[in-house]
Amino acid sequence: MTLAALVSALDTWCPFGTAYDWDNVGLQVGDPDAQVMGGVVALDLTHAVLDEAQAHGASVVVTHHPLIFKPLKRVMAGPGPSGLAYRCAAEGIAHVALHSNLDVARGGVSFALAAQLGLTHVRALQPLERAAVKLVTFVPASHEAAVRATMGEAGAGQIGLYRDCAFTTPGTGYFRPDEGANPFTGTATGTLEQADEVRLEVEVPRALLPRVLSAMRAAHPYEEVAYDLVPVEQPSTVFGLGAVGDLPEPESGDTFLRRVAEALGEDALRYVGDLGRSVRRVAVCGGSGSDLLGLPSGPAPTPSSPPT
């Protein structure tokens, strides 16, 4: 695939638009038209990582931490971000960063940590607010399925663990073509026309809205596509910081610490708290999570003994 196709796929999974304003994510070095035959995944971009990419013939490195946080005044061989950027360009190795957008993605850093610990019923600890809009458009019944599927492929219709969510209602659309119009049905004579249409509603992450609108227009048969955008005020069901889930069974504190050490392959851990307390519900954060302390973990998704 091309580098642009890879970046587009990553953008669908953890949209770059969900990154924080201070962050710098996405393609940082590379030719979007270049072919990608292999890649390396790392926490940081270093010369050792580039050595590994070169040894394996990889043409892209995807890291969690961005190489370029601040604008570079120059790009030249040597140490630091400038030298790494120069080497990427010189050796034809692209660099893509997935940072805070990966922190808030379902299946991202915190969700991977929750899975490693064996947690179930995992959900975001602090869902993003106002992260979605309701997109409403009007389609002839003959094209509704195609338009809905195309929008879903672009990232619309994701609600929690459910994909391709949509709602439709039949109705009648009215229009009067002006001179020069090329209507899908009827004639361009200025006569008032009517058409059987379907009202199609889907929820769209704000970060993916341009992509979904482009897909909608490409699949829609109308010359002029009518649509509405309605803010969704409830917390996101897809994006959020941290993750919280339940252990299969309650465990003592020391048993849980052993679980963490074994799951992460660590010989030593730092902890605060009473090891004699029972642990059932666990919150995790793959990064700085001090702001998440004290957040409610939410109601239990299934009946269970009271968590601690």
C-alpha atoms as a PDB file:
ATOM      1  CA  MET A   1       0.000   0.000   0.000  1.00  0.00           C
ATOM      2  CA  THR A   2       1.012   3.619  -0.245  1.00  0.00           C
ATOM      3  CA  LEU A   3       2.101   5.575   2.791  1.00  0.00           C
ATOM      4  CA  ALA A   4      -0.998   7.749   2.340  1.00  0.00           C
ATOM      5  CA  ALA A   5      -3.230   4.650   2.554  1.00  0.00           C
ATOM      6  CA  LEU A   6      -1.492   3.504   5.729  1.00  0.00           C
ATOM      7  CA  VAL A   7      -1.846   6.936   7.318  1.00  0.00           C
ATOM      8  CA  SER A   8      -5.526   7.012   6.290  1.00  0.00           C
ATOM      9  CA  ALA A   9      -6.137   3.626   7.940  1.00  0.00           C
ATOM     10  CA  LEU A  10      -4.462   4.789  11.156  1.00  0.00           C
ATOM     11  CA  ASP A  11      -6.519   7.983  11.058  1.00  0.00           C
ATOM     12  CA  THR A  12      -9.721   5.923  10.881  1.00  0.00           C
ATOM     13  CA  TRP A  13      -8.728   3.843  13.906  1.00  0.00           C
ATOM     14  CA  CYS A  14      -7.398   6.642  16.132  1.00  0.00           C
ATOM     15  CA  PRO A  15      -8.327   9.910  14.386  1.00  0.00           C
ATOM     16  CA  PHE A  16      -5.608  12.540  14.390  1.00  0.00           C
ATOM     17  CA  GLY A  17      -8.299  15.126  15.112  1.00  0.00           C
ATOM     18  CA  THR A  18      -8.826  13.665  18.602  1.00  0.00           C
ATOM     19  CA  ALA A  19      -5.272  14.589  19.631  1.00  0.00           C
ATOM     20  CA  TYR A  20      -4.830  17.438  22.084  1.00  0.00           C
ATOM     21  CA  ASP A  21      -4.026  20.905  20.755  1.00  0.00           C
ATOM     22  CA  TRP A  22      -0.492  20.817  22.154  1.00  0.00           C
ATOM     23  CA  ASP A  23       0.266  17.535  20.422  1.00  0.00           C
ATOM     24  CA  ASN A  24       1.726  16.809  16.973  1.00  0.00           C
ATOM     25  CA  VAL A  25       0.534  13.560  15.419  1.00  0.00           C
ATOM     26  CA  GLY A  26       0.239  11.950  12.008  1.00  0.00           C
ATOM     27  CA  LEU A  27       2.774  11.798   9.201  1.00  0.00           C
ATOM     28  CA  GLN A  28       5.850  13.762  10.276  1.00  0.00           C
ATOM     29  CA  VAL A  29       8.402  12.701   7.662  1.00  0.00           C
ATOM     30  CA  GLY A  30       7.814  10.932   4.362  1.00  0.00           C
ATOM     31  CA  ASP A  31       6.341  10.870   0.856  1.00  0.00           C
ATOM     32  CA  PRO A  32       2.610  10.042   0.918  1.00  0.00           C
ATOM     33  CA  ASP A  33       2.901   8.447  -2.531  1.00  0.00           C
ATOM     34  CA  ALA A  34       5.727   6.094  -1.522  1.00  0.00           C
ATOM     35  CA  GLN A  35       5.040   2.359  -1.320  1.00  0.00           C
ATOM     36  CA  VAL A  36       5.134   0.740   2.134  1.00  0.00           C
ATOM     37  CA  MET A  37       6.334  -2.863   2.251  1.00  0.00           C
ATOM     38  CA  GLY A  38       7.110  -3.145   5.972  1.00  0.00           C
ATOM     39  CA  GLY A  39       7.304  -1.144   9.153  1.00  0.00           C
ATOM     40  CA  VAL A  40       8.604  -0.937  12.708  1.00  0.00           C
ATOM     41  CA  VAL A  41       6.578   0.041  15.784  1.00  0.00           C
ATOM     42  CA  ALA A  42       8.353   1.747  18.700  1.00  0.00           C
ATOM     43  CA  LEU A  43       7.792   4.023  21.667  1.00  0.00           C
ATOM     44  CA  ASP A  44      10.287   6.673  20.478  1.00  0.00           C
ATOM     45  CA  LEU A  45      12.123   7.305  17.239  1.00  0.00           C
ATOM     46  CA  THR A  46      15.850   6.847  17.877  1.00  0.00           C
ATOM     47  CA  HIS A  47      18.880   6.033  15.758  1.00  0.00           C
ATOM     48  CA  ALA A  48      18.735   2.462  17.126  1.00  0.00           C
ATOM     49  CA  VAL A  49      15.132   2.150  15.912  1.00  0.00           C
ATOM     50  CA  LEU A  50      16.157   3.474  12.499  1.00  0.00           C
ATOM     51  CA  ASP A  51      18.992   0.937  12.441  1.00  0.00           C
ATOM     52  CA  GLU A  52      16.417  -1.794  13.075  1.00  0.00           C
ATOM     53  CA  ALA A  53      14.113  -0.467  10.361  1.00  0.00           C
ATOM     54  CA  GLN A  54      16.977  -0.339   7.892  1.00  0.00           C
ATOM     55  CA  ALA A  55      18.122  -3.880   8.805  1.00  0.00           C
ATOM     56  CA  HIS A  56      14.639  -5.252   8.116  1.00  0.00           C
ATOM     57  CA  GLY A  57      14.041  -3.212   4.976  1.00  0.00           C
ATOM     58  CA  ALA A  58      11.175  -1.327   6.641  1.00  0.00           C
ATOM     59  CA  SER A  59      10.069   1.904   5.015  1.00  0.00           C
ATOM     60  CA  VAL A  60       8.028   3.391   7.871  1.00  0.00           C
ATOM     61  CA  VAL A  61       8.372   3.717  11.638  1.00  0.00           C
ATOM     62  CA  VAL A  62       5.227   4.277  13.715  1.00  0.00           C
ATOM     63  CA  THR A  63       5.911   5.607  17.212  1.00  0.00           C
ATOM     64  CA  HIS A  64       3.835   6.662  20.181  1.00  0.00           C
ATOM     65  CA  HIS A  65       5.897   9.746  20.956  1.00  0.00           C
ATOM     66  CA  PRO A  66       6.238  12.271  18.133  1.00  0.00           C
ATOM     67  CA  LEU A  67       9.658  13.116  16.762  1.00  0.00           C
ATOM     68  CA  ILE A  68       8.725  16.746  16.117  1.00  0.00           C
ATOM     69  CA  PHE A  69       6.948  18.514  18.987  1.00  0.00           C
ATOM     70  CA  LYS A  70       8.195  21.992  18.165  1.00  0.00           C
ATOM     71  CA  PRO A  71       9.059  23.516  14.768  1.00  0.00           C
ATOM     72  CA  LEU A  72      12.587  22.649  13.616  1.00  0.00           C
ATOM     73  CA  LYS A  73      14.804  25.583  12.674  1.00  0.00           C
ATOM     74  CA  ARG A  74      16.995  23.344  10.529  1.00  0.00           C
ATOM     75  CA  VAL A  75      17.200  19.737   9.347  1.00  0.00           C
ATOM     76  CA  MET A  76      20.747  18.411   9.262  1.00  0.00           C
ATOM     77  CA  ALA A  77      22.751  15.321  10.171  1.00  0.00           C
ATOM     78  CA  GLY A  78      23.523  14.915  13.837  1.00  0.00           C
ATOM     79  CA  PRO A  79      21.808  14.185  17.157  1.00  0.00           C
ATOM     80  CA  GLY A  80      18.334  15.155  18.279  1.00  0.00           C
ATOM     81  CA  PRO A  81      15.086  15.530  16.312  1.00  0.00           C
ATOM     82  CA  SER A  82      16.797  17.464  13.518  1.00  0.00           C
ATOM     83  CA  GLY A  83      19.292  14.686  12.865  1.00  0.00           C
ATOM     84  CA  LEU A  84      16.638  11.970  13.064  1.00  0.00           C
ATOM     85  CA  ALA A  85      14.393  13.827  10.630  1.00  0.00           C
ATOM     86  CA  TYR A  86      17.353  14.284   8.254  1.00  0.00           C
ATOM     87  CA  ARG A  87      18.211  10.587   8.445  1.00  0.00           C
ATOM     88  CA  CYS A  88      14.576   9.540   7.821  1.00  0.00           C
ATOM     89  CA  ALA A  89      14.452  11.696   4.700  1.00  0.00           C
ATOM     90  CA  ALA A  90      17.900  10.657   3.494  1.00  0.00           C
ATOM     91  CA  GLU A  91      17.216   6.939   3.918  1.00  0.00           C
ATOM     92  CA  GLY A  92      13.636   7.043   2.670  1.00  0.00           C
ATOM     93  CA  ILE A  93      12.105   5.927   5.984  1.00  0.00           C
ATOM     94  CA  ALA A  94       8.821   7.613   6.870  1.00  0.00           C
ATOM     95  CA  HIS A  95       7.757   8.471  10.401  1.00  0.00           C
ATOM     96  CA  VAL A  96       4.207   8.488  11.748  1.00  0.00           C
ATOM     97  CA  ALA A  97       3.290   9.434  15.333  1.00  0.00           C
ATOM     98  CA  LEU A  98       0.192   8.275  17.220  1.00  0.00           C
ATOM     99  CA  HIS A  99       0.293  10.008  20.584  1.00  0.00           C
ATOM    100  CA  SER A 100      -2.652  11.502  22.483  1.00  0.00           C
ATOM    101  CA  ASN A 101      -5.007  10.299  19.732  1.00  0.00           C
ATOM    102  CA  LEU A 102      -3.879   6.748  20.579  1.00  0.00           C
ATOM    103  CA  ASP A 103      -4.335   7.516  24.282  1.00  0.00           C
ATOM    104  CA  VAL A 104      -8.058   8.244  23.756  1.00  0.00           C
ATOM    105  CA  ALA A 105      -8.824   5.554  21.156  1.00  0.00           C
ATOM    106  CA  ARG A 106     -10.802   2.411  21.932  1.00  0.00           C
ATOM    107  CA  GLY A 107      -8.239  -0.329  21.515  1.00  0.00           C
ATOM    108  CA  GLY A 108      -5.453   2.183  22.121  1.00  0.00           C
ATOM    109  CA  VAL A 109      -2.826   2.360  24.849  1.00  0.00           C
ATOM    110  CA  SER A 110      -5.068   2.111  27.920  1.00  0.00           C
ATOM    111  CA  PHE A 111      -7.326  -0.534  26.392  1.00  0.00           C
ATOM    112  CA  ALA A 112      -4.267  -2.619  25.484  1.00  0.00           C
ATOM    113  CA  LEU A 113      -3.088  -2.364  29.097  1.00  0.00           C
ATOM    114  CA  ALA A 114      -6.539  -3.422  30.342  1.00  0.00           C
ATOM    115  CA  ALA A 115      -6.498  -6.425  28.010  1.00  0.00           C
ATOM    116  CA  GLN A 116      -3.010  -7.376  29.218  1.00  0.00           C
ATOM    117  CA  LEU A 117      -4.338  -7.443  32.795  1.00  0.00           C
ATOM    118  CA  GLY A 118      -7.296  -9.626  31.801  1.00  0.00           C
ATOM    119  CA  LEU A 119     -10.002  -7.022  32.518  1.00  0.00           C
ATOM    120  CA  THR A 120     -13.510  -7.480  31.119  1.00  0.00           C
ATOM    121  CA  HIS A 121     -16.331  -5.037  30.295  1.00  0.00           C
ATOM    122  CA  VAL A 122     -13.691  -2.423  29.510  1.00  0.00           C
ATOM    123  CA  ARG A 123     -14.779   1.134  28.778  1.00  0.00           C
ATOM    124  CA  ALA A 124     -13.192   4.596  28.801  1.00  0.00           C
ATOM    125  CA  LEU A 125     -12.603   6.027  32.257  1.00  0.00           C
ATOM    126  CA  GLN A 126     -13.086   9.648  31.141  1.00  0.00           C
ATOM    127  CA  PRO A 127     -15.048   9.765  27.862  1.00  0.00           C
ATOM    128  CA  LEU A 128     -14.408  12.760  25.625  1.00  0.00           C
ATOM    129  CA  GLU A 129     -17.155  15.380  25.704  1.00  0.00           C
ATOM    130  CA  ARG A 130     -18.902  16.676  22.575  1.00  0.00           C
ATOM    131  CA  ALA A 131     -16.757  14.439  20.393  1.00  0.00           C
ATOM    132  CA  ALA A 132     -19.491  13.502  17.918  1.00  0.00           C
ATOM    133  CA  VAL A 133     -22.200  14.954  15.684  1.00  0.00           C
ATOM    134  CA  LYS A 134     -25.370  13.464  14.237  1.00  0.00           C
ATOM    135  CA  LEU A 135     -25.227  13.569  10.430  1.00  0.00           C
ATOM    136  CA  VAL A 136     -28.603  13.517   8.679  1.00  0.00           C
ATOM    137  CA  THR A 137     -28.969  13.263   4.907  1.00  0.00           C
ATOM    138  CA  PHE A 138     -31.741  12.422   2.455  1.00  0.00           C
ATOM    139  CA  VAL A 139     -31.256   9.686  -0.138  1.00  0.00           C
ATOM    140  CA  PRO A 140     -33.434   7.978  -2.736  1.00  0.00           C
ATOM    141  CA  ALA A 141     -34.343   4.506  -1.509  1.00  0.00           C
ATOM    142  CA  SER A 142     -32.452   2.915  -4.416  1.00  0.00           C
ATOM    143  CA  HIS A 143     -29.144   4.343  -3.126  1.00  0.00           C
ATOM    144  CA  GLU A 144     -29.675   4.363   0.657  1.00  0.00           C
ATOM    145  CA  ALA A 145     -27.810   1.100   1.340  1.00  0.00           C
ATOM    146  CA  ALA A 146     -24.798   2.131  -0.746  1.00  0.00           C
ATOM    147  CA  VAL A 147     -24.552   5.578   0.851  1.00  0.00           C
ATOM    148  CA  ARG A 148     -24.929   4.125   4.354  1.00  0.00           C
ATOM    149  CA  ALA A 149     -22.255   1.480   3.733  1.00  0.00           C
ATOM    150  CA  THR A 150     -19.818   4.022   2.283  1.00  0.00           C
ATOM    151  CA  MET A 151     -20.271   6.339   5.261  1.00  0.00           C
ATOM    152  CA  GLY A 152     -19.733   3.408   7.616  1.00  0.00           C
ATOM    153  CA  GLU A 153     -16.474   2.494   5.883  1.00  0.00           C
ATOM    154  CA  ALA A 154     -15.341   6.101   6.415  1.00  0.00           C
ATOM    155  CA  GLY A 155     -15.938   5.835  10.180  1.00  0.00           C
ATOM    156  CA  ALA A 156     -19.590   6.795  10.710  1.00  0.00           C
ATOM    157  CA  GLY A 157     -22.016   4.800  12.825  1.00  0.00           C
ATOM    158  CA  GLN A 158     -19.723   3.624  15.642  1.00  0.00           C
ATOM    159  CA  ILE A 159     -21.528   3.537  19.005  1.00  0.00           C
ATOM    160  CA  GLY A 160     -19.571   1.745  21.690  1.00  0.00           C
ATOM    161  CA  LEU A 161     -18.903  -1.820  20.550  1.00  0.00           C
ATOM    162  CA  TYR A 162     -21.402  -1.594  17.690  1.00  0.00           C
ATOM    163  CA  ARG A 163     -20.517  -0.595  14.102  1.00  0.00           C
ATOM    164  CA  ASP A 164     -22.641   0.534  11.158  1.00  0.00           C
ATOM    165  CA  CYS A 165     -25.311   1.994  13.464  1.00  0.00           C
ATOM    166  CA  ALA A 166     -27.878   4.072  11.578  1.00  0.00           C
ATOM    167  CA  PHE A 167     -31.546   5.013  11.567  1.00  0.00           C
ATOM    168  CA  THR A 168     -33.794   5.542   8.543  1.00  0.00           C
ATOM    169  CA  THR A 169     -37.291   6.839   7.957  1.00  0.00           C
ATOM    170  CA  PRO A 170     -39.138   7.145   4.624  1.00  0.00           C
ATOM    171  CA  GLY A 171     -40.452  10.467   3.398  1.00  0.00           C
ATOM    172  CA  THR A 172     -41.035  12.736   0.424  1.00  0.00           C
ATOM    173  CA  GLY A 173     -38.589  15.316  -0.848  1.00  0.00           C
ATOM    174  CA  TYR A 174     -39.593  18.372  -2.907  1.00  0.00           C
ATOM    175  CA  PHE A 175     -37.429  20.487  -5.211  1.00  0.00           C
ATOM    176  CA  ARG A 176     -37.709  22.884  -8.142  1.00  0.00           C
ATOM    177  CA  PRO A 177     -34.664  22.778 -10.506  1.00  0.00           C
ATOM    178  CA  ASP A 178     -33.292  26.111 -11.724  1.00  0.00           C
ATOM    179  CA  GLU A 179     -31.854  26.627 -15.186  1.00  0.00           C
ATOM    180  CA  GLY A 180     -28.682  24.602 -15.692  1.00  0.00           C
ATOM    181  CA  ALA A 181     -29.524  22.022 -13.028  1.00  0.00           C
ATOM    182  CA  ASN A 182     -29.112  18.311 -13.687  1.00  0.00           C
ATOM    183  CA  PRO A 183     -31.565  16.592 -11.321  1.00  0.00           C
ATOM    184  CA  PHE A 184     -31.326  12.866 -10.558  1.00  0.00           C
ATOM    185  CA  THR A 185     -35.079  12.569 -11.142  1.00  0.00           C
ATOM    186  CA  GLY A 186     -37.603  14.818 -12.871  1.00  0.00           C
ATOM    187  CA  THR A 187     -36.777  17.482 -15.443  1.00  0.00           C
ATOM    188  CA  ALA A 188     -34.771  20.711 -15.352  1.00  0.00           C
ATOM    189  CA  THR A 189     -37.739  22.831 -16.409  1.00  0.00           C
ATOM    190  CA  GLY A 190     -38.501  24.751 -13.233  1.00  0.00           C
ATOM    191  CA  THR A 191     -41.385  22.422 -12.396  1.00  0.00           C
ATOM    192  CA  LEU A 192     -41.918  21.493  -8.740  1.00  0.00           C
ATOM    193  CA  GLU A 193     -40.845  17.864  -8.403  1.00  0.00           C
ATOM    194  CA  GLN A 194     -41.190  15.321  -5.638  1.00  0.00           C
ATOM    195  CA  ALA A 195     -39.290  12.127  -4.895  1.00  0.00           C
ATOM    196  CA  ASP A 196     -39.552   9.238  -2.476  1.00  0.00           C
ATOM    197  CA  GLU A 197     -36.547   9.546  -0.173  1.00  0.00           C
ATOM    198  CA  VAL A 198     -35.103   8.017   2.956  1.00  0.00           C
ATOM    199  CA  ARG A 199     -33.927  10.137   5.875  1.00  0.00           C
ATOM    200  CA  LEU A 200     -30.597   8.586   6.928  1.00  0.00           C
ATOM    201  CA  GLU A 201     -29.091   9.395  10.345  1.00  0.00           C
ATOM    202  CA  VAL A 202     -25.661   8.340  11.611  1.00  0.00           C
ATOM    203  CA  GLU A 203     -23.377   9.413  14.445  1.00  0.00           C
ATOM    204  CA  VAL A 204     -19.959  10.638  13.343  1.00  0.00           C
ATOM    205  CA  PRO A 205     -16.852  11.463  15.394  1.00  0.00           C
ATOM    206  CA  ARG A 206     -16.054  15.136  14.837  1.00  0.00           C
ATOM    207  CA  ALA A 207     -12.496  14.216  13.923  1.00  0.00           C
ATOM    208  CA  LEU A 208     -13.744  12.039  11.037  1.00  0.00           C
ATOM    209  CA  LEU A 209     -16.450  14.399   9.793  1.00  0.00           C
ATOM    210  CA  PRO A 210     -14.544  15.713   6.713  1.00  0.00           C
ATOM    211  CA  ARG A 211     -13.762  12.132   5.651  1.00  0.00           C
ATOM    212  CA  VAL A 212     -17.373  10.978   6.133  1.00  0.00           C
ATOM    213  CA  LEU A 213     -18.829  13.982   4.303  1.00  0.00           C
ATOM    214  CA  SER A 214     -16.495  13.354   1.370  1.00  0.00           C
ATOM    215  CA  ALA A 215     -17.531   9.685   1.272  1.00  0.00           C
ATOM    216  CA  MET A 216     -21.212  10.638   1.472  1.00  0.00           C
ATOM    217  CA  ARG A 217     -20.958  13.051  -1.446  1.00  0.00           C
ATOM    218  CA  ALA A 218     -19.057  10.517  -3.558  1.00  0.00           C
ATOM    219  CA  ALA A 219     -21.714   7.814  -3.057  1.00  0.00           C
ATOM    220  CA  HIS A 220     -24.771  10.086  -3.198  1.00  0.00           C
ATOM    221  CA  PRO A 221     -26.548  10.317  -6.572  1.00  0.00           C
ATOM    222  CA  TYR A 222     -27.769  13.899  -6.117  1.00  0.00           C
ATOM    223  CA  GLU A 223     -26.050  16.864  -7.728  1.00  0.00           C
ATOM    224  CA  GLU A 224     -26.626  18.868  -4.531  1.00  0.00           C
ATOM    225  CA  VAL A 225     -26.573  16.816  -1.333  1.00  0.00           C
ATOM    226  CA  ALA A 226     -28.733  18.145   1.495  1.00  0.00           C
ATOM    227  CA  TYR A 227     -27.590  17.273   5.000  1.00  0.00           C
ATOM    228  CA  ASP A 228     -27.853  18.470   8.599  1.00  0.00           C
ATOM    229  CA  LEU A 229     -25.268  18.384  11.390  1.00  0.00           C
ATOM    230  CA  VAL A 230     -26.627  18.141  14.935  1.00  0.00           C
ATOM    231  CA  PRO A 231     -24.305  18.359  17.977  1.00  0.00           C
ATOM    232  CA  VAL A 232     -24.269  15.268  20.188  1.00  0.00           C
ATOM    233  CA  GLU A 233     -23.950  16.446  23.775  1.00  0.00           C
ATOM    234  CA  GLN A 234     -23.592  13.126  25.597  1.00  0.00           C
ATOM    235  CA  PRO A 235     -20.081  11.767  26.317  1.00  0.00           C
ATOM    236  CA  SER A 236     -18.399   9.786  23.565  1.00  0.00           C
ATOM    237  CA  THR A 237     -18.939   6.030  23.491  1.00  0.00           C
ATOM    238  CA  VAL A 238     -15.785   5.557  21.410  1.00  0.00           C
ATOM    239  CA  PHE A 239     -13.068   7.951  22.624  1.00  0.00           C
ATOM    240  CA  GLY A 240     -11.825   8.706  26.133  1.00  0.00           C
ATOM    241  CA  LEU A 241      -8.822   8.823  28.451  1.00  0.00           C
ATOM    242  CA  GLY A 242      -7.889   5.808  30.524  1.00  0.00           C
ATOM    243  CA  ALA A 243      -9.883   2.608  30.793  1.00  0.00           C
ATOM    244  CA  VAL A 244     -11.788   0.804  33.514  1.00  0.00           C
ATOM    245  CA  GLY A 245     -12.877  -2.812  33.696  1.00  0.00           C
ATOM    246  CA  ASP A 246     -13.505  -5.752  35.995  1.00  0.00           C
ATOM    247  CA  LEU A 247     -11.383  -8.697  37.015  1.00  0.00           C
ATOM    248  CA  PRO A 248     -12.987 -12.108  36.418  1.00  0.00           C
ATOM    249  CA  GLU A 249     -13.159 -12.601  40.206  1.00  0.00           C
ATOM    250  CA  PRO A 250     -12.241 -10.415  43.202  1.00  0.00           C
ATOM    251  CA  GLU A 251      -8.595 -10.689  44.270  1.00  0.00           C
ATOM    252  CA  SER A 252      -6.611  -9.585  47.279  1.00  0.00           C
ATOM    253  CA  GLY A 253      -4.258  -6.680  46.754  1.00  0.00           C
ATOM    254  CA  ASP A 254      -1.107  -8.791  46.798  1.00  0.00           C
ATOM    255  CA  THR A 255      -2.613 -11.296  44.329  1.00  0.00           C
ATOM    256  CA  PHE A 256      -3.486  -8.424  42.014  1.00  0.00           C
ATOM    257  CA  LEU A 257       0.051  -7.032  42.210  1.00  0.00           C
ATOM    258  CA  ARG A 258       1.385 -10.442  41.189  1.00  0.00           C
ATOM    259  CA  ARG A 259      -1.043 -10.395  38.253  1.00  0.00           C
ATOM    260  CA  VAL A 260       0.301  -7.006  37.169  1.00  0.00           C
ATOM    261  CA  ALA A 261       3.939  -8.068  37.502  1.00  0.00           C
ATOM    262  CA  GLU A 262       3.388 -11.268  35.524  1.00  0.00           C
ATOM    263  CA  ALA A 263       1.271  -9.597  32.840  1.00  0.00           C
ATOM    264  CA  LEU A 264       3.845  -6.848  32.244  1.00  0.00           C
ATOM    265  CA  GLY A 265       6.950  -8.969  32.798  1.00  0.00           C
ATOM    266  CA  GLU A 266       8.170  -6.798  35.655  1.00  0.00           C
ATOM    267  CA  ASP A 267      10.187  -7.924  38.679  1.00  0.00           C
ATOM    268  CA  ALA A 268       9.310  -4.955  40.879  1.00  0.00           C
ATOM    269  CA  LEU A 269       6.340  -2.612  41.273  1.00  0.00           C
ATOM    270  CA  ARG A 270       5.609   0.519  43.245  1.00  0.00           C
ATOM    271  CA  TYR A 271       2.225   0.673  44.951  1.00  0.00           C
ATOM    272  CA  VAL A 272       0.204   2.631  47.483  1.00  0.00           C
ATOM    273  CA  GLY A 273      -2.643   1.118  49.489  1.00  0.00           C
ATOM    274  CA  ASP A 274      -3.787  -1.727  51.687  1.00  0.00           C
ATOM    275  CA  LEU A 275      -2.835  -5.083  50.175  1.00  0.00           C
ATOM    276  CA  GLY A 276      -5.515  -6.731  52.281  1.00  0.00           C
ATOM    277  CA  ARG A 277      -8.352  -5.002  50.407  1.00  0.00           C
ATOM    278  CA  SER A 278     -10.304  -6.878  47.783  1.00  0.00           C
ATOM    279  CA  VAL A 279      -9.819  -5.699  44.207  1.00  0.00           C
ATOM    280  CA  ARG A 280     -12.508  -6.232  41.569  1.00  0.00           C
ATOM    281  CA  ARG A 281     -12.714  -3.089  39.434  1.00  0.00           C
ATOM    282  CA  VAL A 282      -9.490  -1.676  38.014  1.00  0.00           C
ATOM    283  CA  ALA A 283      -8.767   1.636  36.274  1.00  0.00           C
ATOM    284  CA  VAL A 284      -5.669   1.955  34.099  1.00  0.00           C
ATOM    285  CA  CYS A 285      -3.984   4.731  32.164  1.00  0.00           C
ATOM    286  CA  GLY A 286      -1.136   4.309  29.710  1.00  0.00           C
ATOM    287  CA  GLY A 287       0.519   7.593  30.525  1.00  0.00           C
ATOM    288  CA  SER A 288       0.256  10.454  32.994  1.00  0.00           C
ATOM    289  CA  GLY A 289      -3.045   9.786  34.740  1.00  0.00           C
ATOM    290  CA  SER A 290      -2.978  12.005  37.804  1.00  0.00           C
ATOM    291  CA  ASP A 291      -5.907  14.068  36.502  1.00  0.00           C
ATOM    292  CA  LEU A 292      -8.030  10.903  36.415  1.00  0.00           C
ATOM    293  CA  LEU A 293      -7.665  10.131  40.125  1.00  0.00           C
ATOM    294  CA  GLY A 294     -10.997  10.380  41.896  1.00  0.00           C
ATOM    295  CA  LEU A 295     -13.141   9.905  38.793  1.00  0.00           C
ATOM    296  CA  PRO A 296     -16.170   7.641  39.349  1.00  0.00           C
ATOM    297  CA  SER A 297     -15.734   4.231  37.749  1.00  0.00           C
ATOM    298  CA  GLY A 298     -19.375   4.109  36.741  1.00  0.00           C
ATOM    299  CA  PRO A 299     -22.025   1.460  37.410  1.00  0.00           C
ATOM    300  CA  ALA A 300     -21.152  -2.190  36.979  1.00  0.00           C
ATOM    301  CA  PRO A 301     -22.022  -3.359  33.459  1.00  0.00           C
ATOM    302  CA  THR A 302     -23.187  -6.721  34.859  1.00  0.00           C
ATOM    303  CA  PRO A 303     -24.522  -7.700  38.279  1.00  0.00           C
ATOM    304  CA  SER A 304     -21.616  -8.454  40.610  1.00  0.00           C
ATOM    305  CA  SER A 305     -20.429  -8.095  44.141  1.00  0.00           C
ATOM    306  CA  PRO A 306     -19.668  -4.494  45.172  1.00  0.00           C
ATOM    307  CA  PRO A 307     -16.266  -3.513  43.710  1.00  0.00           C
ATOM    308  CA  THR A 308     -13.537  -1.909  45.758  1.00  0.00           C
END
